[in-house]
Amino acid sequence: MTDKDNIRGDEHTGTAGSDTTGKQCRIILNPASGTEDHADEVHSRATERGYTVVETTEPGDAVTLAKEAAEDGVRLLAACGGDGTIHHVIHGLDQADALDDVTVAVIPGEQETTSHRISV
């Protein structure tokens, strides 16, 4: 099994898979990032894997959504958007004192992000 298989939830490993999808795997999506054309694809792929997607609607929402994810016991939290979304997700987990408890993934939502520049 590769790391890619683990994130996709193809096999249960404790961080993804049939026992931990949905409630345990959540994506915080900024639909306004980049060219604003990625939301439908993110929702489609997340649905295929049983992941929950929550969207930001205004600046700073990702902080609150990340804190809520930590309080809900989410084990894998993906930030989908630009650098600001990623920053706010990390900040929210820090405020919830959950940086040691939640694995963070990055799904680039635009071309000019740090994650693209470092080939994530």
Protein backbone atom coordinates (compact mmCIF):
# COMPACT_ATOMS: atom_id res chain seq x y z
CA MET A 1 0.00 0.00 0.00
CA THR A 2 1.29 3.46 -0.87
CA ASP A 3 0.79 6.71 1.03
CA LYS A 4 -1.57 7.75 -1.76
CA ASP A 5 -3.75 4.68 -1.09
CA ASN A 6 -3.84 5.56 2.61
CA ILE A 7 -5.09 9.09 2.01
CA ARG A 8 -7.64 7.86 -0.52
CA GLY A 9 -9.06 5.53 2.09
CA ASP A 10 -8.58 2.35 0.06
CA GLU A 11 -7.44 0.38 3.09
CA HIS A 12 -7.99 0.93 6.80
CA THR A 13 -4.80 2.09 8.51
CA GLY A 14 -6.12 4.11 11.40
CA THR A 15 -6.08 7.46 9.58
CA ALA A 16 -8.27 6.68 6.58
CA GLY A 17 -10.50 3.90 5.36
CA SER A 18 -13.94 2.54 5.96
CA ASP A 19 -13.87 2.90 9.75
CA THR A 20 -12.64 6.48 9.71
CA THR A 21 -14.25 8.12 6.69
CA GLY A 22 -16.93 10.75 6.98
CA LYS A 23 -16.69 11.92 10.57
CA GLN A 24 -12.99 11.19 10.86
CA CYS A 25 -11.91 12.67 7.48
CA ARG A 26 -12.98 16.21 6.69
CA ILE A 27 -12.08 18.76 4.03
CA ILE A 28 -12.28 22.48 4.64
CA LEU A 29 -12.85 23.99 1.20
CA ASN A 30 -12.49 27.62 0.21
CA PRO A 31 -14.60 27.65 -2.97
CA ALA A 32 -13.52 31.23 -3.75
CA SER A 33 -9.80 30.45 -3.97
CA GLY A 34 -7.98 30.52 -7.26
CA THR A 35 -10.17 30.39 -10.34
CA GLU A 36 -13.16 29.28 -8.25
CA ASP A 37 -13.76 26.22 -10.44
CA HIS A 38 -12.57 23.42 -8.18
CA ALA A 39 -15.44 23.05 -5.69
CA ASP A 40 -17.53 20.60 -7.74
CA GLU A 41 -14.57 18.28 -8.29
CA VAL A 42 -13.60 18.39 -4.60
CA HIS A 43 -17.17 17.54 -3.56
CA SER A 44 -17.37 14.72 -6.12
CA ARG A 45 -14.10 13.09 -5.09
CA ALA A 46 -14.85 13.50 -1.39
CA THR A 47 -18.27 11.90 -1.83
CA GLU A 48 -16.68 8.92 -3.60
CA ARG A 49 -14.50 8.36 -0.54
CA GLY A 50 -17.07 9.13 2.13
CA TYR A 51 -15.32 12.30 3.31
CA THR A 52 -17.17 15.30 4.69
CA VAL A 53 -16.68 18.69 2.99
CA VAL A 54 -17.39 21.99 4.71
CA GLU A 55 -17.06 25.26 2.83
CA THR A 56 -15.88 28.63 4.03
CA THR A 57 -18.21 31.51 3.28
CA GLU A 58 -16.24 34.46 4.61
CA PRO A 59 -12.67 35.30 5.68
CA GLY A 60 -11.65 33.55 8.88
CA ASP A 61 -14.22 30.75 8.62
CA ALA A 62 -11.50 28.13 8.30
CA VAL A 63 -10.29 28.91 11.84
CA THR A 64 -13.71 28.16 13.29
CA LEU A 65 -14.26 25.13 11.05
CA ALA A 66 -10.88 23.66 12.04
CA LYS A 67 -11.65 24.11 15.75
CA GLU A 68 -15.02 22.42 15.23
CA ALA A 69 -13.33 19.55 13.38
CA ALA A 70 -10.96 19.01 16.30
CA GLU A 71 -13.85 19.12 18.78
CA ASP A 72 -15.72 16.58 16.62
CA GLY A 73 -12.81 14.13 16.80
CA VAL A 74 -11.71 14.45 13.17
CA ARG A 75 -8.39 12.63 12.69
CA LEU A 76 -7.56 13.75 9.11
CA LEU A 77 -8.30 17.35 8.12
CA ALA A 78 -7.54 18.61 4.63
CA ALA A 79 -7.31 22.29 3.74
CA CYS A 80 -8.36 23.02 0.17
CA GLY A 81 -7.70 26.56 -0.95
CA GLY A 82 -4.89 29.05 -0.99
CA ASP A 83 -2.22 29.94 1.52
CA GLY A 84 -4.76 31.81 3.66
CA THR A 85 -7.00 28.76 3.98
CA ILE A 86 -4.05 26.59 4.98
CA HIS A 87 -2.90 29.21 7.51
CA HIS A 88 -6.37 29.49 9.04
CA VAL A 89 -6.81 25.72 9.34
CA ILE A 90 -3.49 25.42 11.19
CA HIS A 91 -4.39 28.41 13.36
CA GLY A 92 -7.75 26.87 14.27
CA LEU A 93 -6.16 23.55 15.21
CA ASP A 94 -3.62 25.44 17.31
CA GLN A 95 -6.40 27.32 19.12
CA ALA A 96 -8.09 23.97 19.79
CA ASP A 97 -4.78 22.57 21.09
CA ALA A 98 -5.16 19.78 18.53
CA LEU A 99 -1.98 20.01 16.45
CA ASP A 100 -0.74 16.72 17.93
CA ASP A 101 -4.09 14.99 17.43
CA VAL A 102 -5.10 15.87 13.88
CA THR A 103 -3.22 15.02 10.69
CA VAL A 104 -3.34 17.92 8.23
CA ALA A 105 -3.36 17.46 4.46
CA VAL A 106 -3.17 20.14 1.79
CA ILE A 107 -5.23 20.08 -1.39
CA PRO A 108 -4.10 23.05 -3.49
CA GLY A 109 -7.05 25.11 -4.64
CA GLU A 110 -5.11 27.57 -6.77
CA GLN A 111 -1.91 27.74 -8.80
CA GLU A 112 0.05 30.36 -6.88
CA THR A 113 0.25 28.76 -3.43
CA THR A 114 3.19 27.67 -1.39
CA SER A 115 2.03 24.06 -1.87
CA HIS A 116 2.32 24.39 -5.66
CA ARG A 117 5.74 26.05 -5.40
CA ILE A 118 7.06 23.17 -3.30
CA SER A 119 5.32 20.53 -5.46
CA VAL A 120 2.73 19.24 -2.99
